N, C-alpha and C. Protein backbone atom coordinates (compact mmCIF):
# COMPACT_ATOMS: atom_id res chain seq x y z
N MET A 1 85.30 -25.51 5.89
CA MET A 1 84.63 -24.34 5.37
C MET A 1 83.13 -24.53 5.55
N GLU A 2 82.48 -23.55 6.09
CA GLU A 2 81.03 -23.60 6.29
C GLU A 2 80.40 -22.36 5.70
N GLU A 3 79.28 -22.54 5.01
CA GLU A 3 78.52 -21.41 4.48
C GLU A 3 77.04 -21.73 4.63
N LEU A 4 76.26 -20.72 4.84
CA LEU A 4 74.82 -20.87 5.00
C LEU A 4 74.16 -20.92 3.63
N VAL A 5 73.32 -21.92 3.41
CA VAL A 5 72.56 -22.03 2.17
C VAL A 5 71.09 -22.23 2.53
N LYS A 6 70.22 -21.88 1.60
CA LYS A 6 68.79 -21.98 1.84
C LYS A 6 68.16 -22.91 0.82
N MET A 7 67.26 -23.77 1.28
CA MET A 7 66.58 -24.70 0.39
C MET A 7 65.45 -23.99 -0.34
N SER A 8 65.34 -24.26 -1.65
CA SER A 8 64.25 -23.68 -2.45
C SER A 8 62.96 -24.45 -2.19
N PRO A 9 61.84 -23.91 -2.63
CA PRO A 9 60.57 -24.64 -2.49
C PRO A 9 60.59 -26.02 -3.16
N LYS A 10 61.45 -26.20 -4.16
CA LYS A 10 61.57 -27.49 -4.84
C LYS A 10 62.56 -28.43 -4.16
N GLY A 11 63.14 -28.01 -3.03
CA GLY A 11 64.09 -28.85 -2.31
C GLY A 11 65.51 -28.74 -2.81
N GLN A 12 65.81 -27.72 -3.62
CA GLN A 12 67.14 -27.57 -4.20
C GLN A 12 68.03 -26.70 -3.30
N LEU A 13 69.31 -27.07 -3.25
CA LEU A 13 70.32 -26.30 -2.54
C LEU A 13 71.37 -25.86 -3.54
N VAL A 14 71.93 -24.68 -3.34
CA VAL A 14 72.99 -24.19 -4.22
C VAL A 14 74.31 -24.30 -3.46
N VAL A 15 75.28 -25.00 -4.06
CA VAL A 15 76.61 -25.08 -3.47
C VAL A 15 77.31 -23.75 -3.76
N PRO A 16 77.79 -23.05 -2.74
CA PRO A 16 78.43 -21.76 -2.97
C PRO A 16 79.60 -21.86 -3.96
N GLN A 17 79.76 -20.80 -4.75
CA GLN A 17 80.74 -20.79 -5.83
C GLN A 17 82.15 -21.10 -5.36
N ASP A 18 82.59 -20.53 -4.24
CA ASP A 18 83.96 -20.78 -3.79
C ASP A 18 84.17 -22.26 -3.44
N ILE A 19 83.15 -22.91 -2.91
CA ILE A 19 83.26 -24.34 -2.61
C ILE A 19 83.26 -25.15 -3.90
N ARG A 20 82.38 -24.80 -4.86
CA ARG A 20 82.35 -25.50 -6.16
C ARG A 20 83.71 -25.42 -6.84
N GLU A 21 84.31 -24.23 -6.81
CA GLU A 21 85.61 -24.05 -7.48
C GLU A 21 86.70 -24.84 -6.77
N LYS A 22 86.72 -24.78 -5.45
CA LYS A 22 87.76 -25.49 -4.69
C LYS A 22 87.68 -26.99 -4.91
N LEU A 23 86.44 -27.52 -4.96
CA LEU A 23 86.25 -28.97 -5.12
C LEU A 23 86.10 -29.39 -6.58
N LYS A 24 86.19 -28.42 -7.47
CA LYS A 24 86.10 -28.68 -8.92
C LYS A 24 84.79 -29.35 -9.30
N PHE A 25 83.68 -28.88 -8.74
CA PHE A 25 82.35 -29.35 -9.11
C PHE A 25 81.93 -28.65 -10.39
N ALA A 26 81.29 -29.39 -11.28
CA ALA A 26 80.84 -28.82 -12.55
C ALA A 26 79.41 -29.26 -12.83
N PRO A 27 78.70 -28.50 -13.66
CA PRO A 27 77.33 -28.89 -14.02
C PRO A 27 77.33 -30.32 -14.57
N GLY A 28 76.38 -31.11 -14.14
CA GLY A 28 76.28 -32.50 -14.60
C GLY A 28 76.99 -33.50 -13.71
N ASP A 29 77.82 -33.03 -12.77
CA ASP A 29 78.48 -33.96 -11.85
C ASP A 29 77.42 -34.72 -11.07
N MET A 30 77.74 -35.95 -10.71
CA MET A 30 76.81 -36.80 -9.96
C MET A 30 77.29 -36.91 -8.51
N PHE A 31 76.32 -36.98 -7.60
CA PHE A 31 76.61 -37.08 -6.18
C PHE A 31 75.73 -38.16 -5.57
N VAL A 32 76.24 -38.78 -4.52
CA VAL A 32 75.42 -39.68 -3.72
C VAL A 32 75.07 -38.92 -2.45
N ALA A 33 73.81 -38.99 -2.04
CA ALA A 33 73.35 -38.33 -0.83
C ALA A 33 73.21 -39.39 0.26
N VAL A 34 73.86 -39.17 1.40
CA VAL A 34 73.84 -40.12 2.50
C VAL A 34 73.22 -39.44 3.72
N GLN A 35 72.17 -40.05 4.23
CA GLN A 35 71.54 -39.50 5.44
C GLN A 35 72.38 -39.90 6.64
N ILE A 36 72.72 -38.91 7.46
CA ILE A 36 73.40 -39.16 8.73
C ILE A 36 72.44 -38.75 9.83
N GLU A 37 72.84 -38.95 11.07
CA GLU A 37 71.94 -38.73 12.20
C GLU A 37 71.23 -37.39 12.15
N ASP A 38 71.95 -36.32 11.89
CA ASP A 38 71.34 -34.99 11.96
C ASP A 38 71.45 -34.20 10.67
N GLY A 39 71.59 -34.89 9.54
CA GLY A 39 71.69 -34.15 8.28
C GLY A 39 71.96 -35.06 7.10
N ILE A 40 72.59 -34.47 6.09
CA ILE A 40 72.90 -35.18 4.85
C ILE A 40 74.34 -34.86 4.46
N VAL A 41 75.04 -35.85 3.93
CA VAL A 41 76.37 -35.66 3.37
C VAL A 41 76.27 -35.98 1.89
N PHE A 42 76.80 -35.09 1.04
CA PHE A 42 76.84 -35.33 -0.40
C PHE A 42 78.27 -35.66 -0.80
N LYS A 43 78.45 -36.73 -1.56
CA LYS A 43 79.77 -37.14 -2.02
C LYS A 43 79.76 -37.25 -3.52
N LYS A 44 80.70 -36.56 -4.15
CA LYS A 44 80.81 -36.61 -5.61
C LYS A 44 81.25 -38.01 -6.02
N ILE A 45 80.61 -38.52 -7.06
CA ILE A 45 81.02 -39.83 -7.58
C ILE A 45 81.57 -39.63 -8.98
N GLU A 46 82.61 -40.35 -9.27
CA GLU A 46 83.25 -40.29 -10.59
C GLU A 46 82.76 -41.48 -11.41
N LEU A 47 82.17 -41.20 -12.53
CA LEU A 47 81.71 -42.26 -13.42
C LEU A 47 82.67 -42.39 -14.59
N ASP A 48 83.13 -43.59 -14.83
CA ASP A 48 83.99 -43.86 -15.97
C ASP A 48 83.07 -44.27 -17.12
N LEU A 49 82.67 -43.29 -17.93
CA LEU A 49 81.69 -43.55 -18.98
C LEU A 49 82.18 -44.56 -20.01
N LYS A 50 83.48 -44.56 -20.30
CA LYS A 50 84.01 -45.54 -21.26
C LYS A 50 83.84 -46.96 -20.71
N LYS A 51 84.12 -47.13 -19.42
CA LYS A 51 83.98 -48.44 -18.81
C LYS A 51 82.51 -48.87 -18.77
N ILE A 52 81.63 -47.94 -18.45
CA ILE A 52 80.20 -48.24 -18.41
C ILE A 52 79.71 -48.65 -19.80
N GLU A 53 80.12 -47.94 -20.84
CA GLU A 53 79.71 -48.28 -22.21
C GLU A 53 80.25 -49.65 -22.61
N SER A 54 81.49 -49.97 -22.20
CA SER A 54 82.08 -51.26 -22.51
C SER A 54 81.29 -52.39 -21.84
N ILE A 55 80.94 -52.20 -20.58
CA ILE A 55 80.15 -53.21 -19.86
C ILE A 55 78.78 -53.36 -20.50
N LYS A 56 78.18 -52.24 -20.88
CA LYS A 56 76.86 -52.27 -21.53
C LYS A 56 76.92 -53.07 -22.83
N LYS A 57 77.95 -52.81 -23.62
CA LYS A 57 78.10 -53.51 -24.91
C LYS A 57 78.31 -55.01 -24.69
N GLN A 58 79.15 -55.36 -23.72
CA GLN A 58 79.40 -56.78 -23.43
C GLN A 58 78.12 -57.47 -22.97
N THR A 59 77.35 -56.80 -22.13
CA THR A 59 76.10 -57.37 -21.63
C THR A 59 75.10 -57.57 -22.76
N GLN A 60 74.99 -56.58 -23.64
CA GLN A 60 74.07 -56.70 -24.77
C GLN A 60 74.47 -57.86 -25.67
N GLU A 61 75.78 -58.03 -25.90
CA GLU A 61 76.25 -59.12 -26.75
C GLU A 61 75.96 -60.47 -26.12
N GLN A 62 76.10 -60.56 -24.80
CA GLN A 62 75.83 -61.82 -24.10
C GLN A 62 74.37 -62.23 -24.24
N PHE A 63 73.47 -61.25 -24.19
CA PHE A 63 72.05 -61.57 -24.26
C PHE A 63 71.58 -61.83 -25.68
N LYS A 64 72.38 -61.50 -26.69
CA LYS A 64 72.04 -61.80 -28.08
C LYS A 64 72.22 -63.28 -28.37
N LYS A 65 73.08 -63.95 -27.60
CA LYS A 65 73.40 -65.35 -27.84
C LYS A 65 72.28 -66.26 -27.45
């Protein structure tokens, strides 16, 4: 699926609604931007917040010792 989008003066692009819905993108989702030869590829990343908080807590406890 291809759609034409225009960059704003601030460098922002809007993902068309039909693509957002098909890929289940939601406000606050995180993406990694990868430069390729002639453009950019955006890939959604899934963050496991519970796992991140657990690692953070373990790390903080280790440094208290």
